[in-house]
Amino acid sequence: MRRRRQACARGRGALLVICVLAGGAFASTAGAQAAQASQTSRQAAQSPPSRQAVRYPCRTRPESHQLDFWVGRWRVTPWGAPDSILLGTSEITPMLEHCAILESWTGAKGGTGKSLNLFDAGTGRWRQLWVADAGVVTDYTGDFRDGAMRFGAESRDAAGHVTLRRLTFTPVAADTVRQLIETSADGGKTWAVGFDGRYVRVK
């Protein structure tokens, strides 16, 4: 019986072996399993997000957690003054599957207020809507940058005078936050401090 001739060519790294047996070509790839695993990984990476992630996007959206350092119960005193001087207390609570943060403020000498804080995915910015029992309403917009949450707003009184406002939350330590409110009546040329508070977490 006539012996069939076999010719083999090897590719780089011996990954490809092509053998010709009696005019029939057979290909064998040593990296076939690796290629299949790579394709499986790509398919997993391209798979749609889970139902939970779609239903509750704020749970995993990093921007929605940029103000988490403010969440908790706080005792508020003047910044740079003795802790014995109490300005008020505040309770900051995440809500709506972390799509919003509710502030409940109680002043030591009376007066209450609440704010709703949220990251607006449509604009890519944060918002705070503050309402006090005295009828004061301020609508802030802002961003987290340079290690602090920085809001800005513009208000107008009955006479038409415009006041610019800056509201800054700075995490000083794990259990300390500084809240600074500044106002400007000359279009931002000069600023006056309206509130400078030290928030100390109540454990």
C-alpha atoms as a PDB file:
ATOM      1  CA  MET A   1       0.000   0.000   0.000  1.00  0.00           C
ATOM      2  CA  ARG A   2       1.332   3.378  -1.044  1.00  0.00           C
ATOM      3  CA  ARG A   3       2.200   5.604   1.941  1.00  0.00           C
ATOM      4  CA  ARG A   4       0.422   8.915   1.973  1.00  0.00           C
ATOM      5  CA  ARG A   5       2.626  11.971   2.198  1.00  0.00           C
ATOM      6  CA  GLN A   6       2.170  14.362   5.118  1.00  0.00           C
ATOM      7  CA  ALA A   7       3.318  17.977   5.001  1.00  0.00           C
ATOM      8  CA  CYS A   8       3.083  20.270   8.009  1.00  0.00           C
ATOM      9  CA  ALA A   9       3.658  23.959   8.398  1.00  0.00           C
ATOM     10  CA  ARG A  10       4.045  25.558  11.772  1.00  0.00           C
ATOM     11  CA  GLY A  11       3.186  29.180  12.508  1.00  0.00           C
ATOM     12  CA  ARG A  12       4.805  31.533  15.036  1.00  0.00           C
ATOM     13  CA  GLY A  13       4.745  30.207  18.573  1.00  0.00           C
ATOM     14  CA  ALA A  14       3.614  26.795  17.251  1.00  0.00           C
ATOM     15  CA  LEU A  15       0.029  27.974  17.578  1.00  0.00           C
ATOM     16  CA  LEU A  16      -1.031  26.868  14.121  1.00  0.00           C
ATOM     17  CA  VAL A  17      -0.464  23.445  12.620  1.00  0.00           C
ATOM     18  CA  ILE A  18      -1.660  22.747   9.087  1.00  0.00           C
ATOM     19  CA  CYS A  19      -1.333  19.214   7.841  1.00  0.00           C
ATOM     20  CA  VAL A  20      -2.056  17.963   4.346  1.00  0.00           C
ATOM     21  CA  LEU A  21      -2.942  14.300   4.141  1.00  0.00           C
ATOM     22  CA  ALA A  22      -3.593  12.927   0.679  1.00  0.00           C
ATOM     23  CA  GLY A  23      -4.838  16.214  -0.636  1.00  0.00           C
ATOM     24  CA  GLY A  24      -7.113  16.756   2.373  1.00  0.00           C
ATOM     25  CA  ALA A  25      -6.376  19.832   4.543  1.00  0.00           C
ATOM     26  CA  PHE A  26      -6.854  19.792   8.278  1.00  0.00           C
ATOM     27  CA  ALA A  27      -6.290  22.849  10.477  1.00  0.00           C
ATOM     28  CA  SER A  28      -5.644  22.733  14.201  1.00  0.00           C
ATOM     29  CA  THR A  29      -5.335  25.901  16.330  1.00  0.00           C
ATOM     30  CA  ALA A  30      -3.643  25.555  19.693  1.00  0.00           C
ATOM     31  CA  GLY A  31      -5.182  28.850  20.857  1.00  0.00           C
ATOM     32  CA  ALA A  32      -8.784  27.898  20.059  1.00  0.00           C
ATOM     33  CA  GLN A  33      -9.775  27.608  23.707  1.00  0.00           C
ATOM     34  CA  ALA A  34      -8.160  30.952  24.544  1.00  0.00           C
ATOM     35  CA  ALA A  35     -10.003  32.607  21.660  1.00  0.00           C
ATOM     36  CA  GLN A  36     -13.280  31.135  22.851  1.00  0.00           C
ATOM     37  CA  ALA A  37     -12.646  32.359  26.405  1.00  0.00           C
ATOM     38  CA  SER A  38     -11.847  35.837  25.102  1.00  0.00           C
ATOM     39  CA  GLN A  39     -15.077  35.898  23.116  1.00  0.00           C
ATOM     40  CA  THR A  40     -17.016  34.829  26.214  1.00  0.00           C
ATOM     41  CA  SER A  41     -15.429  37.690  28.215  1.00  0.00           C
ATOM     42  CA  ARG A  42     -16.359  40.196  25.544  1.00  0.00           C
ATOM     43  CA  GLN A  43     -19.924  38.962  25.517  1.00  0.00           C
ATOM     44  CA  ALA A  44     -20.102  39.283  29.325  1.00  0.00           C
ATOM     45  CA  ALA A  45     -18.734  42.819  29.169  1.00  0.00           C
ATOM     46  CA  GLN A  46     -21.321  43.743  26.553  1.00  0.00           C
ATOM     47  CA  SER A  47     -24.191  42.152  28.458  1.00  0.00           C
ATOM     48  CA  PRO A  48     -26.933  44.541  29.598  1.00  0.00           C
ATOM     49  CA  PRO A  49     -26.919  45.798  33.214  1.00  0.00           C
ATOM     50  CA  SER A  50     -28.951  43.940  35.803  1.00  0.00           C
ATOM     51  CA  ARG A  51     -32.580  44.766  36.407  1.00  0.00           C
ATOM     52  CA  GLN A  52     -31.677  46.215  39.808  1.00  0.00           C
ATOM     53  CA  ALA A  53     -29.114  48.595  38.256  1.00  0.00           C
ATOM     54  CA  VAL A  54     -31.654  49.754  35.677  1.00  0.00           C
ATOM     55  CA  ARG A  55     -34.469  50.094  38.204  1.00  0.00           C
ATOM     56  CA  TYR A  56     -32.366  51.860  40.857  1.00  0.00           C
ATOM     57  CA  PRO A  57     -29.514  53.686  39.058  1.00  0.00           C
ATOM     58  CA  CYS A  58     -28.684  55.937  42.029  1.00  0.00           C
ATOM     59  CA  ARG A  59     -27.550  52.973  44.115  1.00  0.00           C
ATOM     60  CA  THR A  60     -24.456  52.523  41.952  1.00  0.00           C
ATOM     61  CA  ARG A  61     -24.031  55.928  40.272  1.00  0.00           C
ATOM     62  CA  PRO A  62     -20.855  57.447  41.821  1.00  0.00           C
ATOM     63  CA  GLU A  63     -22.084  61.035  41.520  1.00  0.00           C
ATOM     64  CA  SER A  64     -25.161  60.270  43.603  1.00  0.00           C
ATOM     65  CA  HIS A  65     -22.874  59.415  46.530  1.00  0.00           C
ATOM     66  CA  GLN A  66     -20.663  62.508  46.477  1.00  0.00           C
ATOM     67  CA  LEU A  67     -22.534  64.049  49.408  1.00  0.00           C
ATOM     68  CA  ASP A  68     -22.631  60.893  51.516  1.00  0.00           C
ATOM     69  CA  PHE A  69     -20.109  62.370  53.946  1.00  0.00           C
ATOM     70  CA  TRP A  70     -22.932  64.629  55.180  1.00  0.00           C
ATOM     71  CA  VAL A  71     -25.338  61.786  55.953  1.00  0.00           C
ATOM     72  CA  GLY A  72     -25.990  61.319  59.670  1.00  0.00           C
ATOM     73  CA  ARG A  73     -27.091  63.127  62.827  1.00  0.00           C
ATOM     74  CA  TRP A  74     -25.135  66.272  63.694  1.00  0.00           C
ATOM     75  CA  ARG A  75     -24.566  68.799  66.446  1.00  0.00           C
ATOM     76  CA  VAL A  76     -23.752  72.185  64.900  1.00  0.00           C
ATOM     77  CA  THR A  77     -21.549  74.824  66.541  1.00  0.00           C
ATOM     78  CA  PRO A  78     -19.815  77.934  65.164  1.00  0.00           C
ATOM     79  CA  TRP A  79     -16.614  77.250  63.271  1.00  0.00           C
ATOM     80  CA  GLY A  80     -13.645  78.503  65.248  1.00  0.00           C
ATOM     81  CA  ALA A  81     -15.643  78.959  68.457  1.00  0.00           C
ATOM     82  CA  PRO A  82     -16.083  76.801  71.585  1.00  0.00           C
ATOM     83  CA  ASP A  83     -18.192  73.672  71.182  1.00  0.00           C
ATOM     84  CA  SER A  84     -20.402  74.864  74.041  1.00  0.00           C
ATOM     85  CA  ILE A  85     -22.112  77.375  71.745  1.00  0.00           C
ATOM     86  CA  LEU A  86     -24.884  75.420  70.052  1.00  0.00           C
ATOM     87  CA  LEU A  87     -26.332  76.705  66.784  1.00  0.00           C
ATOM     88  CA  GLY A  88     -28.644  73.785  66.176  1.00  0.00           C
ATOM     89  CA  THR A  89     -28.956  70.163  65.188  1.00  0.00           C
ATOM     90  CA  SER A  90     -29.375  68.569  61.814  1.00  0.00           C
ATOM     91  CA  GLU A  91     -30.338  65.142  60.531  1.00  0.00           C
ATOM     92  CA  ILE A  92     -29.313  64.176  57.004  1.00  0.00           C
ATOM     93  CA  THR A  93     -31.077  61.153  55.539  1.00  0.00           C
ATOM     94  CA  PRO A  94     -30.741  59.430  52.139  1.00  0.00           C
ATOM     95  CA  MET A  95     -34.058  58.614  50.502  1.00  0.00           C
ATOM     96  CA  LEU A  96     -35.637  57.298  47.290  1.00  0.00           C
ATOM     97  CA  GLU A  97     -33.000  54.585  46.821  1.00  0.00           C
ATOM     98  CA  HIS A  98     -30.281  57.212  47.330  1.00  0.00           C
ATOM     99  CA  CYS A  99     -31.559  59.464  44.552  1.00  0.00           C
ATOM    100  CA  ALA A 100     -32.019  62.271  47.085  1.00  0.00           C
ATOM    101  CA  ILE A 101     -30.750  63.393  50.484  1.00  0.00           C
ATOM    102  CA  LEU A 102     -33.101  65.117  52.924  1.00  0.00           C
ATOM    103  CA  GLU A 103     -31.819  67.680  55.427  1.00  0.00           C
ATOM    104  CA  SER A 104     -33.866  68.451  58.542  1.00  0.00           C
ATOM    105  CA  TRP A 105     -32.508  71.456  60.467  1.00  0.00           C
ATOM    106  CA  THR A 106     -33.599  72.646  63.917  1.00  0.00           C
ATOM    107  CA  GLY A 107     -32.136  75.880  65.256  1.00  0.00           C
ATOM    108  CA  ALA A 108     -31.116  76.151  68.886  1.00  0.00           C
ATOM    109  CA  LYS A 109     -33.095  79.401  69.247  1.00  0.00           C
ATOM    110  CA  GLY A 110     -36.057  78.257  67.189  1.00  0.00           C
ATOM    111  CA  GLY A 111     -36.602  78.004  63.497  1.00  0.00           C
ATOM    112  CA  THR A 112     -36.601  74.967  61.280  1.00  0.00           C
ATOM    113  CA  GLY A 113     -35.746  74.238  57.681  1.00  0.00           C
ATOM    114  CA  LYS A 114     -35.417  71.432  55.208  1.00  0.00           C
ATOM    115  CA  SER A 115     -33.484  70.902  52.012  1.00  0.00           C
ATOM    116  CA  LEU A 116     -33.695  68.352  49.240  1.00  0.00           C
ATOM    117  CA  ASN A 117     -30.316  67.515  47.711  1.00  0.00           C
ATOM    118  CA  LEU A 118     -29.846  65.458  44.562  1.00  0.00           C
ATOM    119  CA  PHE A 119     -27.618  64.769  41.597  1.00  0.00           C
ATOM    120  CA  ASP A 120     -29.512  65.570  38.394  1.00  0.00           C
ATOM    121  CA  ALA A 121     -28.285  63.135  35.739  1.00  0.00           C
ATOM    122  CA  GLY A 122     -29.975  65.216  33.058  1.00  0.00           C
ATOM    123  CA  THR A 123     -27.816  68.274  33.728  1.00  0.00           C
ATOM    124  CA  GLY A 124     -24.830  66.492  35.283  1.00  0.00           C
ATOM    125  CA  ARG A 125     -24.997  68.823  38.307  1.00  0.00           C
ATOM    126  CA  TRP A 126     -26.135  68.773  41.923  1.00  0.00           C
ATOM    127  CA  ARG A 127     -29.113  70.726  43.205  1.00  0.00           C
ATOM    128  CA  GLN A 128     -30.239  71.808  46.637  1.00  0.00           C
ATOM    129  CA  LEU A 129     -33.663  73.279  47.296  1.00  0.00           C
ATOM    130  CA  TRP A 130     -33.715  74.896  50.747  1.00  0.00           C
ATOM    131  CA  VAL A 131     -36.963  75.955  52.443  1.00  0.00           C
ATOM    132  CA  ALA A 132     -37.165  77.562  55.895  1.00  0.00           C
ATOM    133  CA  ASP A 133     -40.213  78.074  58.121  1.00  0.00           C
ATOM    134  CA  ALA A 134     -39.766  81.833  57.701  1.00  0.00           C
ATOM    135  CA  GLY A 135     -40.621  81.474  54.021  1.00  0.00           C
ATOM    136  CA  VAL A 136     -37.050  81.655  52.688  1.00  0.00           C
ATOM    137  CA  VAL A 137     -36.526  79.555  49.568  1.00  0.00           C
ATOM    138  CA  THR A 138     -33.164  79.118  47.840  1.00  0.00           C
ATOM    139  CA  ASP A 139     -32.529  76.965  44.786  1.00  0.00           C
ATOM    140  CA  TYR A 140     -28.848  76.061  44.509  1.00  0.00           C
ATOM    141  CA  THR A 141     -26.909  74.265  41.780  1.00  0.00           C
ATOM    142  CA  GLY A 142     -23.393  72.970  42.152  1.00  0.00           C
ATOM    143  CA  ASP A 143     -20.676  70.361  41.798  1.00  0.00           C
ATOM    144  CA  PHE A 144     -18.275  68.364  43.904  1.00  0.00           C
ATOM    145  CA  ARG A 145     -14.780  69.670  43.174  1.00  0.00           C
ATOM    146  CA  ASP A 146     -11.535  70.366  45.011  1.00  0.00           C
ATOM    147  CA  GLY A 147     -12.617  68.123  47.869  1.00  0.00           C
ATOM    148  CA  ALA A 148     -15.893  69.896  48.663  1.00  0.00           C
ATOM    149  CA  MET A 149     -19.492  70.184  47.514  1.00  0.00           C
ATOM    150  CA  ARG A 150     -19.870  73.714  46.142  1.00  0.00           C
ATOM    151  CA  PHE A 151     -23.278  75.247  45.444  1.00  0.00           C
ATOM    152  CA  GLY A 152     -24.222  78.630  44.046  1.00  0.00           C
ATOM    153  CA  ALA A 153     -27.508  80.508  43.814  1.00  0.00           C
ATOM    154  CA  GLU A 154     -29.004  83.861  42.935  1.00  0.00           C
ATOM    155  CA  SER A 155     -31.937  85.414  44.776  1.00  0.00           C
ATOM    156  CA  ARG A 156     -33.934  88.590  44.233  1.00  0.00           C
ATOM    157  CA  ASP A 157     -35.907  90.512  46.853  1.00  0.00           C
ATOM    158  CA  ALA A 158     -39.181  92.401  46.388  1.00  0.00           C
ATOM    159  CA  ALA A 159     -37.293  95.564  45.420  1.00  0.00           C
ATOM    160  CA  GLY A 160     -35.403  93.709  42.716  1.00  0.00           C
ATOM    161  CA  HIS A 161     -32.045  93.626  44.489  1.00  0.00           C
ATOM    162  CA  VAL A 162     -29.980  90.586  43.474  1.00  0.00           C
ATOM    163  CA  THR A 163     -27.956  88.611  46.011  1.00  0.00           C
ATOM    164  CA  LEU A 164     -25.435  85.950  45.007  1.00  0.00           C
ATOM    165  CA  ARG A 165     -25.005  83.031  47.381  1.00  0.00           C
ATOM    166  CA  ARG A 166     -22.309  80.425  47.861  1.00  0.00           C
ATOM    167  CA  LEU A 167     -22.855  77.277  49.912  1.00  0.00           C
ATOM    168  CA  THR A 168     -19.906  74.955  50.571  1.00  0.00           C
ATOM    169  CA  PHE A 169     -19.784  71.615  52.391  1.00  0.00           C
ATOM    170  CA  THR A 170     -16.263  70.433  53.211  1.00  0.00           C
ATOM    171  CA  PRO A 171     -15.535  67.051  54.830  1.00  0.00           C
ATOM    172  CA  VAL A 172     -12.845  67.941  57.369  1.00  0.00           C
ATOM    173  CA  ALA A 173     -12.659  64.531  59.032  1.00  0.00           C
ATOM    174  CA  ALA A 174     -14.717  61.351  59.226  1.00  0.00           C
ATOM    175  CA  ASP A 175     -17.062  62.911  61.785  1.00  0.00           C
ATOM    176  CA  THR A 176     -16.650  66.624  61.046  1.00  0.00           C
ATOM    177  CA  VAL A 177     -18.088  68.728  58.221  1.00  0.00           C
ATOM    178  CA  ARG A 178     -17.785  72.464  57.690  1.00  0.00           C
ATOM    179  CA  GLN A 179     -20.731  74.327  56.172  1.00  0.00           C
ATOM    180  CA  LEU A 180     -20.004  77.827  54.896  1.00  0.00           C
ATOM    181  CA  ILE A 181     -22.608  80.224  53.488  1.00  0.00           C
ATOM    182  CA  GLU A 182     -21.446  83.453  51.824  1.00  0.00           C
ATOM    183  CA  THR A 183     -23.396  86.248  50.145  1.00  0.00           C
ATOM    184  CA  SER A 184     -22.536  89.048  47.731  1.00  0.00           C
ATOM    185  CA  ALA A 185     -24.609  92.117  46.940  1.00  0.00           C
ATOM    186  CA  ASP A 186     -22.193  93.575  44.380  1.00  0.00           C
ATOM    187  CA  GLY A 187     -22.153  90.879  41.739  1.00  0.00           C
ATOM    188  CA  GLY A 188     -19.446  88.800  43.347  1.00  0.00           C
ATOM    189  CA  LYS A 189     -16.828  91.507  43.905  1.00  0.00           C
ATOM    190  CA  THR A 190     -16.956  91.073  47.674  1.00  0.00           C
ATOM    191  CA  TRP A 191     -18.365  88.314  49.852  1.00  0.00           C
ATOM    192  CA  ALA A 192     -19.666  88.301  53.423  1.00  0.00           C
ATOM    193  CA  VAL A 193     -19.949  85.226  55.639  1.00  0.00           C
ATOM    194  CA  GLY A 194     -23.538  84.546  56.627  1.00  0.00           C
ATOM    195  CA  PHE A 195     -23.060  81.173  58.315  1.00  0.00           C
ATOM    196  CA  ASP A 196     -19.970  79.183  59.262  1.00  0.00           C
ATOM    197  CA  GLY A 197     -20.809  75.999  61.123  1.00  0.00           C
ATOM    198  CA  ARG A 198     -18.974  72.963  62.394  1.00  0.00           C
ATOM    199  CA  TYR A 199     -20.987  69.780  62.069  1.00  0.00           C
ATOM    200  CA  VAL A 200     -19.905  67.106  64.585  1.00  0.00           C
ATOM    201  CA  ARG A 201     -21.460  63.690  64.173  1.00  0.00           C
ATOM    202  CA  VAL A 202     -23.661  62.452  67.008  1.00  0.00           C
ATOM    203  CA  LYS A 203     -22.907  58.813  67.715  1.00  0.00           C
END
